[in-house]
Amino acid sequence: MDISAFDLSRIYGQGWKAAKRALTDSAEGVNSEPESDLNPYATAQERDRWSKGFEDGLRSRTGARAISNHQSWRPQGRR
């Protein structure tokens, strides 16, 4: 089964949203490794994309977004 880029982007977004929900629902924090029961997908490609979205969603809250998004839209030298 060939999955479109559009579908994969939606799956990534679902993983991202799941991480944000988990962060707001849990006072003690969340593992960076999503539990298999959170990931609703069956194929490896879909599961991997969902997990990537989940992990990136968790990192964005802890300030690690700068690592994955090392280039900003702002010109260098002007702040």
PDB file of N, CA and C in Angstrom:
ATOM      1  N   MET A   1       0.841  -1.186   0.000  1.00  0.00           N
ATOM      2  CA  MET A   1       0.000   0.000   0.000  1.00  0.00           C
ATOM      3  C   MET A   1       0.882   1.243   0.000  1.00  0.00           C
ATOM      4  N   ASP A   2       0.660   2.102  -0.962  1.00  0.00           N
ATOM      5  CA  ASP A   2       1.419   3.338  -1.069  1.00  0.00           C
ATOM      6  C   ASP A   2       0.642   4.456  -0.383  1.00  0.00           C
ATOM      7  N   ILE A   3       1.260   5.096   0.578  1.00  0.00           N
ATOM      8  CA  ILE A   3       0.611   6.151   1.350  1.00  0.00           C
ATOM      9  C   ILE A   3       1.065   7.497   0.806  1.00  0.00           C
ATOM     10  N   SER A   4       0.140   8.386   0.557  1.00  0.00           N
ATOM     11  CA  SER A   4       0.476   9.696  -0.015  1.00  0.00           C
ATOM     12  C   SER A   4       1.168  10.575   1.020  1.00  0.00           C
ATOM     13  N   ALA A   5       1.903  11.543   0.526  1.00  0.00           N
ATOM     14  CA  ALA A   5       2.573  12.504   1.399  1.00  0.00           C
ATOM     15  C   ALA A   5       1.549  13.269   2.232  1.00  0.00           C
ATOM     16  N   PHE A   6       0.407  13.559   1.644  1.00  0.00           N
ATOM     17  CA  PHE A   6      -0.657  14.256   2.364  1.00  0.00           C
ATOM     18  C   PHE A   6      -1.125  13.424   3.557  1.00  0.00           C
ATOM     19  N   ASP A   7      -1.379  12.134   3.320  1.00  0.00           N
ATOM     20  CA  ASP A   7      -1.822  11.260   4.406  1.00  0.00           C
ATOM     21  C   ASP A   7      -0.760  11.150   5.498  1.00  0.00           C
ATOM     22  N   LEU A   8       0.492  11.060   5.098  1.00  0.00           N
ATOM     23  CA  LEU A   8       1.566  10.976   6.089  1.00  0.00           C
ATOM     24  C   LEU A   8       1.663  12.264   6.906  1.00  0.00           C
ATOM     25  N   SER A   9       1.416  13.399   6.279  1.00  0.00           N
ATOM     26  CA  SER A   9       1.458  14.658   7.033  1.00  0.00           C
ATOM     27  C   SER A   9       0.315  14.727   8.042  1.00  0.00           C
ATOM     28  N   ARG A  10      -0.824  14.188   7.672  1.00  0.00           N
ATOM     29  CA  ARG A  10      -1.960  14.154   8.610  1.00  0.00           C
ATOM     30  C   ARG A  10      -1.672  13.213   9.768  1.00  0.00           C
ATOM     31  N   ILE A  11      -1.030  12.089   9.491  1.00  0.00           N
ATOM     32  CA  ILE A  11      -0.671  11.130  10.539  1.00  0.00           C
ATOM     33  C   ILE A  11       0.330  11.765  11.497  1.00  0.00           C
ATOM     34  N   TYR A  12       1.320  12.483  10.954  1.00  0.00           N
ATOM     35  CA  TYR A  12       2.290  13.203  11.774  1.00  0.00           C
ATOM     36  C   TYR A  12       1.555  14.190  12.697  1.00  0.00           C
ATOM     37  N   GLY A  13       0.611  14.921  12.142  1.00  0.00           N
ATOM     38  CA  GLY A  13      -0.162  15.885  12.926  1.00  0.00           C
ATOM     39  C   GLY A  13      -0.962  15.226  14.036  1.00  0.00           C
ATOM     40  N   GLN A  14      -1.478  14.049  13.771  1.00  0.00           N
ATOM     41  CA  GLN A  14      -2.216  13.330  14.808  1.00  0.00           C
ATOM     42  C   GLN A  14      -1.290  12.922  15.945  1.00  0.00           C
ATOM     43  N   GLY A  15      -0.070  12.517  15.614  1.00  0.00           N
ATOM     44  CA  GLY A  15       0.905  12.197  16.652  1.00  0.00           C
ATOM     45  C   GLY A  15       1.275  13.423  17.472  1.00  0.00           C
ATOM     46  N   TRP A  16       1.450  14.555  16.779  1.00  0.00           N
ATOM     47  CA  TRP A  16       1.766  15.831  17.439  1.00  0.00           C
ATOM     48  C   TRP A  16       0.644  16.196  18.420  1.00  0.00           C
ATOM     49  N   LYS A  17      -0.590  16.116  17.958  1.00  0.00           N
ATOM     50  CA  LYS A  17      -1.736  16.455  18.813  1.00  0.00           C
ATOM     51  C   LYS A  17      -1.846  15.505  19.999  1.00  0.00           C
ATOM     52  N   ALA A  18      -1.541  14.231  19.787  1.00  0.00           N
ATOM     53  CA  ALA A  18      -1.588  13.265  20.887  1.00  0.00           C
ATOM     54  C   ALA A  18      -0.560  13.632  21.956  1.00  0.00           C
ATOM     55  N   ALA A  19       0.610  14.090  21.540  1.00  0.00           N
ATOM     56  CA  ALA A  19       1.636  14.506  22.502  1.00  0.00           C
ATOM     57  C   ALA A  19       1.166  15.718  23.295  1.00  0.00           C
ATOM     58  N   LYS A  20       0.568  16.677  22.614  1.00  0.00           N
ATOM     59  CA  LYS A  20       0.077  17.878  23.301  1.00  0.00           C
ATOM     60  C   LYS A  20      -1.034  17.532  24.293  1.00  0.00           C
ATOM     61  N   ARG A  21      -1.922  16.609  23.897  1.00  0.00           N
ATOM     62  CA  ARG A  21      -2.973  16.177  24.830  1.00  0.00           C
ATOM     63  C   ARG A  21      -2.353  15.470  26.028  1.00  0.00           C
ATOM     64  N   ALA A  22      -1.372  14.619  25.777  1.00  0.00           N
ATOM     65  CA  ALA A  22      -0.733  13.886  26.864  1.00  0.00           C
ATOM     66  C   ALA A  22      -0.025  14.845  27.825  1.00  0.00           C
ATOM     67  N   LEU A  23       0.574  15.893  27.288  1.00  0.00           N
ATOM     68  CA  LEU A  23       1.256  16.871  28.138  1.00  0.00           C
ATOM     69  C   LEU A  23       0.270  17.645  29.002  1.00  0.00           C
ATOM     70  N   THR A  24      -0.874  17.985  28.464  1.00  0.00           N
ATOM     71  CA  THR A  24      -1.850  18.742  29.251  1.00  0.00           C
ATOM     72  C   THR A  24      -2.616  17.847  30.221  1.00  0.00           C
ATOM     73  N   ASP A  25      -2.751  16.566  29.890  1.00  0.00           N
ATOM     74  CA  ASP A  25      -3.501  15.650  30.745  1.00  0.00           C
ATOM     75  C   ASP A  25      -2.671  15.074  31.884  1.00  0.00           C
ATOM     76  N   SER A  26      -1.353  15.114  31.773  1.00  0.00           N
ATOM     77  CA  SER A  26      -0.493  14.442  32.740  1.00  0.00           C
ATOM     78  C   SER A  26       0.328  15.451  33.525  1.00  0.00           C
ATOM     79  N   ALA A  27       0.129  15.481  34.818  1.00  0.00           N
ATOM     80  CA  ALA A  27       0.874  16.394  35.678  1.00  0.00           C
ATOM     81  C   ALA A  27       2.311  15.926  35.895  1.00  0.00           C
ATOM     82  N   GLU A  28       2.556  14.616  35.854  1.00  0.00           N
ATOM     83  CA  GLU A  28       3.895  14.102  36.124  1.00  0.00           C
ATOM     84  C   GLU A  28       4.771  13.973  34.890  1.00  0.00           C
ATOM     85  N   GLY A  29       4.283  14.327  33.742  1.00  0.00           N
ATOM     86  CA  GLY A  29       5.083  14.266  32.525  1.00  0.00           C
ATOM     87  C   GLY A  29       4.765  13.053  31.684  1.00  0.00           C
ATOM     88  N   VAL A  30       5.416  12.989  30.535  1.00  0.00           N
ATOM     89  CA  VAL A  30       5.145  11.952  29.552  1.00  0.00           C
ATOM     90  C   VAL A  30       6.464  11.396  29.064  1.00  0.00           C
ATOM     91  N   ASN A  31       6.486  10.095  28.790  1.00  0.00           N
ATOM     92  CA  ASN A  31       7.660   9.483  28.181  1.00  0.00           C
ATOM     93  C   ASN A  31       7.864  10.008  26.781  1.00  0.00           C
ATOM     94  N   SER A  32       9.126  10.144  26.362  1.00  0.00           N
ATOM     95  CA  SER A  32       9.383  10.547  24.985  1.00  0.00           C
ATOM     96  C   SER A  32       9.137   9.387  24.026  1.00  0.00           C
ATOM     97  N   GLU A  33       9.074   8.178  24.535  1.00  0.00           N
ATOM     98  CA  GLU A  33       8.752   7.011  23.720  1.00  0.00           C
ATOM     99  C   GLU A  33       7.261   6.729  23.871  1.00  0.00           C
ATOM    100  N   PRO A  34       6.491   6.964  22.829  1.00  0.00           N
ATOM    101  CA  PRO A  34       5.051   6.726  22.957  1.00  0.00           C
ATOM    102  C   PRO A  34       4.750   5.247  23.149  1.00  0.00           C
ATOM    103  N   GLU A  35       3.835   4.969  24.037  1.00  0.00           N
ATOM    104  CA  GLU A  35       3.429   3.583  24.255  1.00  0.00           C
ATOM    105  C   GLU A  35       2.704   3.083  23.021  1.00  0.00           C
ATOM    106  N   SER A  36       2.855   1.804  22.758  1.00  0.00           N
ATOM    107  CA  SER A  36       2.275   1.241  21.542  1.00  0.00           C
ATOM    108  C   SER A  36       0.757   1.369  21.512  1.00  0.00           C
ATOM    109  N   ASP A  37       0.104   1.411  22.664  1.00  0.00           N
ATOM    110  CA  ASP A  37      -1.353   1.516  22.653  1.00  0.00           C
ATOM    111  C   ASP A  37      -1.832   2.926  22.288  1.00  0.00           C
ATOM    112  N   LEU A  38      -0.956   3.927  22.348  1.00  0.00           N
ATOM    113  CA  LEU A  38      -1.336   5.274  21.928  1.00  0.00           C
ATOM    114  C   LEU A  38      -1.341   5.411  20.409  1.00  0.00           C
ATOM    115  N   ASN A  39      -0.474   4.657  19.738  1.00  0.00           N
ATOM    116  CA  ASN A  39      -0.332   4.750  18.295  1.00  0.00           C
ATOM    117  C   ASN A  39      -1.398   3.890  17.620  1.00  0.00           C
ATOM    118  N   PRO A  40      -2.336   4.511  16.901  1.00  0.00           N
ATOM    119  CA  PRO A  40      -3.470   3.760  16.351  1.00  0.00           C
ATOM    120  C   PRO A  40      -3.199   3.082  15.006  1.00  0.00           C
ATOM    121  N   TYR A  41      -1.997   3.179  14.479  1.00  0.00           N
ATOM    122  CA  TYR A  41      -1.734   2.689  13.126  1.00  0.00           C
ATOM    123  C   TYR A  41      -1.116   1.302  13.119  1.00  0.00           C
ATOM    124  N   ALA A  42      -1.348   0.584  12.009  1.00  0.00           N
ATOM    125  CA  ALA A  42      -0.900  -0.808  11.897  1.00  0.00           C
ATOM    126  C   ALA A  42       0.367  -0.962  11.064  1.00  0.00           C
ATOM    127  N   THR A  43       0.512  -0.174   9.991  1.00  0.00           N
ATOM    128  CA  THR A  43       1.678  -0.357   9.133  1.00  0.00           C
ATOM    129  C   THR A  43       2.891   0.357   9.722  1.00  0.00           C
ATOM    130  N   ALA A  44       4.063  -0.147   9.393  1.00  0.00           N
ATOM    131  CA  ALA A  44       5.302   0.421   9.928  1.00  0.00           C
ATOM    132  C   ALA A  44       5.485   1.874   9.504  1.00  0.00           C
ATOM    133  N   GLN A  45       5.179   2.187   8.244  1.00  0.00           N
ATOM    134  CA  GLN A  45       5.343   3.552   7.754  1.00  0.00           C
ATOM    135  C   GLN A  45       4.438   4.529   8.504  1.00  0.00           C
ATOM    136  N   GLU A  46       3.198   4.144   8.710  1.00  0.00           N
ATOM    137  CA  GLU A  46       2.261   5.003   9.438  1.00  0.00           C
ATOM    138  C   GLU A  46       2.661   5.121  10.905  1.00  0.00           C
ATOM    139  N   ARG A  47       3.043   4.032  11.517  1.00  0.00           N
ATOM    140  CA  ARG A  47       3.450   4.047  12.931  1.00  0.00           C
ATOM    141  C   ARG A  47       4.681   4.925  13.124  1.00  0.00           C
ATOM    142  N   ASP A  48       5.630   4.831  12.215  1.00  0.00           N
ATOM    143  CA  ASP A  48       6.842   5.648  12.310  1.00  0.00           C
ATOM    144  C   ASP A  48       6.527   7.131  12.195  1.00  0.00           C
ATOM    145  N   ARG A  49       5.647   7.480  11.256  1.00  0.00           N
ATOM    146  CA  ARG A  49       5.309   8.892  11.060  1.00  0.00           C
ATOM    147  C   ARG A  49       4.557   9.441  12.260  1.00  0.00           C
ATOM    148  N   TRP A  50       3.628   8.657  12.816  1.00  0.00           N
ATOM    149  CA  TRP A  50       2.881   9.081  14.001  1.00  0.00           C
ATOM    150  C   TRP A  50       3.840   9.281  15.172  1.00  0.00           C
ATOM    151  N   SER A  51       4.767   8.332  15.358  1.00  0.00           N
ATOM    152  CA  SER A  51       5.740   8.425  16.458  1.00  0.00           C
ATOM    153  C   SER A  51       6.628   9.650  16.318  1.00  0.00           C
ATOM    154  N   LYS A  52       7.030   9.970  15.083  1.00  0.00           N
ATOM    155  CA  LYS A  52       7.845  11.164  14.843  1.00  0.00           C
ATOM    156  C   LYS A  52       7.064  12.418  15.247  1.00  0.00           C
ATOM    157  N   GLY A  53       5.794  12.491  14.875  1.00  0.00           N
ATOM    158  CA  GLY A  53       4.972  13.630  15.269  1.00  0.00           C
ATOM    159  C   GLY A  53       4.827  13.719  16.783  1.00  0.00           C
ATOM    160  N   PHE A  54       4.652  12.577  17.438  1.00  0.00           N
ATOM    161  CA  PHE A  54       4.516  12.538  18.890  1.00  0.00           C
ATOM    162  C   PHE A  54       5.792  13.042  19.556  1.00  0.00           C
ATOM    163  N   GLU A  55       6.925  12.522  19.125  1.00  0.00           N
ATOM    164  CA  GLU A  55       8.208  12.931  19.717  1.00  0.00           C
ATOM    165  C   GLU A  55       8.489  14.405  19.474  1.00  0.00           C
ATOM    166  N   ASP A  56       8.216  14.903  18.276  1.00  0.00           N
ATOM    167  CA  ASP A  56       8.424  16.324  17.990  1.00  0.00           C
ATOM    168  C   ASP A  56       7.476  17.197  18.804  1.00  0.00           C
ATOM    169  N   GLY A  57       6.270  16.731  19.024  1.00  0.00           N
ATOM    170  CA  GLY A  57       5.322  17.469  19.854  1.00  0.00           C
ATOM    171  C   GLY A  57       5.798  17.595  21.290  1.00  0.00           C
ATOM    172  N   LEU A  58       6.392  16.541  21.808  1.00  0.00           N
ATOM    173  CA  LEU A  58       6.947  16.600  23.161  1.00  0.00           C
ATOM    174  C   LEU A  58       8.143  17.537  23.222  1.00  0.00           C
ATOM    175  N   ARG A  59       9.021  17.454  22.240  1.00  0.00           N
ATOM    176  CA  ARG A  59      10.224  18.290  22.230  1.00  0.00           C
ATOM    177  C   ARG A  59       9.894  19.762  22.098  1.00  0.00           C
ATOM    178  N   SER A  60       8.846  20.096  21.382  1.00  0.00           N
ATOM    179  CA  SER A  60       8.533  21.504  21.182  1.00  0.00           C
ATOM    180  C   SER A  60       8.205  22.199  22.496  1.00  0.00           C
ATOM    181  N   ARG A  61       7.702  21.469  23.450  1.00  0.00           N
ATOM    182  CA  ARG A  61       7.367  22.042  24.751  1.00  0.00           C
ATOM    183  C   ARG A  61       8.608  22.238  25.617  1.00  0.00           C
ATOM    184  N   THR A  62       9.631  21.435  25.420  1.00  0.00           N
ATOM    185  CA  THR A  62      10.812  21.494  26.265  1.00  0.00           C
ATOM    186  C   THR A  62      11.903  22.389  25.703  1.00  0.00           C
ATOM    187  N   GLY A  63      11.640  23.050  24.584  1.00  0.00           N
ATOM    188  CA  GLY A  63      12.618  23.972  24.034  1.00  0.00           C
ATOM    189  C   GLY A  63      13.587  23.330  23.058  1.00  0.00           C
ATOM    190  N   ALA A  64      13.432  22.076  22.763  1.00  0.00           N
ATOM    191  CA  ALA A  64      14.345  21.402  21.843  1.00  0.00           C
ATOM    192  C   ALA A  64      13.967  21.637  20.395  1.00  0.00           C
ATOM    193  N   ARG A  65      12.952  22.431  20.147  1.00  0.00           N
ATOM    194  CA  ARG A  65      12.542  22.700  18.775  1.00  0.00           C
ATOM    195  C   ARG A  65      13.675  23.337  17.979  1.00  0.00           C
ATOM    196  N   ALA A  66      14.503  24.110  18.638  1.00  0.00           N
ATOM    197  CA  ALA A  66      15.604  24.765  17.948  1.00  0.00           C
ATOM    198  C   ALA A  66      16.569  23.759  17.337  1.00  0.00           C
ATOM    199  N   ILE A  67      16.650  22.574  17.924  1.00  0.00           N
ATOM    200  CA  ILE A  67      17.533  21.551  17.378  1.00  0.00           C
ATOM    201  C   ILE A  67      17.007  21.061  16.039  1.00  0.00           C
ATOM    202  N   SER A  68      15.723  20.784  15.955  1.00  0.00           N
ATOM    203  CA  SER A  68      15.163  20.268  14.710  1.00  0.00           C
ATOM    204  C   SER A  68      14.898  21.374  13.694  1.00  0.00           C
ATOM    205  N   ASN A  69      14.764  22.601  14.143  1.00  0.00           N
ATOM    206  CA  ASN A  69      14.489  23.725  13.250  1.00  0.00           C
ATOM    207  C   ASN A  69      15.632  24.720  13.375  1.00  0.00           C
ATOM    208  N   HIS A  70      16.813  24.298  12.948  1.00  0.00           N
ATOM    209  CA  HIS A  70      18.005  25.105  13.173  1.00  0.00           C
ATOM    210  C   HIS A  70      18.085  26.333  12.285  1.00  0.00           C
ATOM    211  N   GLN A  71      17.310  26.401  11.248  1.00  0.00           N
ATOM    212  CA  GLN A  71      17.307  27.591  10.404  1.00  0.00           C
ATOM    213  C   GLN A  71      16.002  28.331  10.591  1.00  0.00           C
ATOM    214  N   SER A  72      16.124  29.581  10.896  1.00  0.00           N
ATOM    215  CA  SER A  72      14.950  30.403  11.108  1.00  0.00           C
ATOM    216  C   SER A  72      14.642  31.185   9.841  1.00  0.00           C
ATOM    217  N   TRP A  73      13.449  31.673   9.748  1.00  0.00           N
ATOM    218  CA  TRP A  73      13.078  32.518   8.618  1.00  0.00           C
ATOM    219  C   TRP A  73      13.666  33.909   8.763  1.00  0.00           C
ATOM    220  N   ARG A  74      14.129  34.244   9.967  1.00  0.00           N
ATOM    221  CA  ARG A  74      14.716  35.567  10.196  1.00  0.00           C
ATOM    222  C   ARG A  74      16.124  35.624   9.612  1.00  0.00           C
ATOM    223  N   PRO A  75      16.492  36.750   9.017  1.00  0.00           N
ATOM    224  CA  PRO A  75      17.855  36.878   8.493  1.00  0.00           C
ATOM    225  C   PRO A  75      18.867  36.866   9.620  1.00  0.00           C
ATOM    226  N   GLN A  76      20.019  36.284   9.375  1.00  0.00           N
ATOM    227  CA  GLN A  76      21.072  36.230  10.373  1.00  0.00           C
ATOM    228  C   GLN A  76      21.593  37.636  10.664  1.00  0.00           C
ATOM    229  N   GLY A  77      21.936  37.918  11.912  1.00  0.00           N
ATOM    230  CA  GLY A  77      22.495  39.198  12.286  1.00  0.00           C
ATOM    231  C   GLY A  77      21.476  40.239  12.697  1.00  0.00           C
ATOM    232  N   ARG A  78      20.238  40.048  12.370  1.00  0.00           N
ATOM    233  CA  ARG A  78      19.181  41.000  12.743  1.00  0.00           C
ATOM    234  C   ARG A  78      18.265  40.349  13.751  1.00  0.00           C
ATOM    235  N   ARG A  79      18.155  40.925  14.875  1.00  0.00           N
ATOM    236  CA  ARG A  79      17.277  40.399  15.921  1.00  0.00           C
ATOM    237  C   ARG A  79      16.530  41.519  16.564  1.00  0.00           C
TER     238      ARG A  79
END
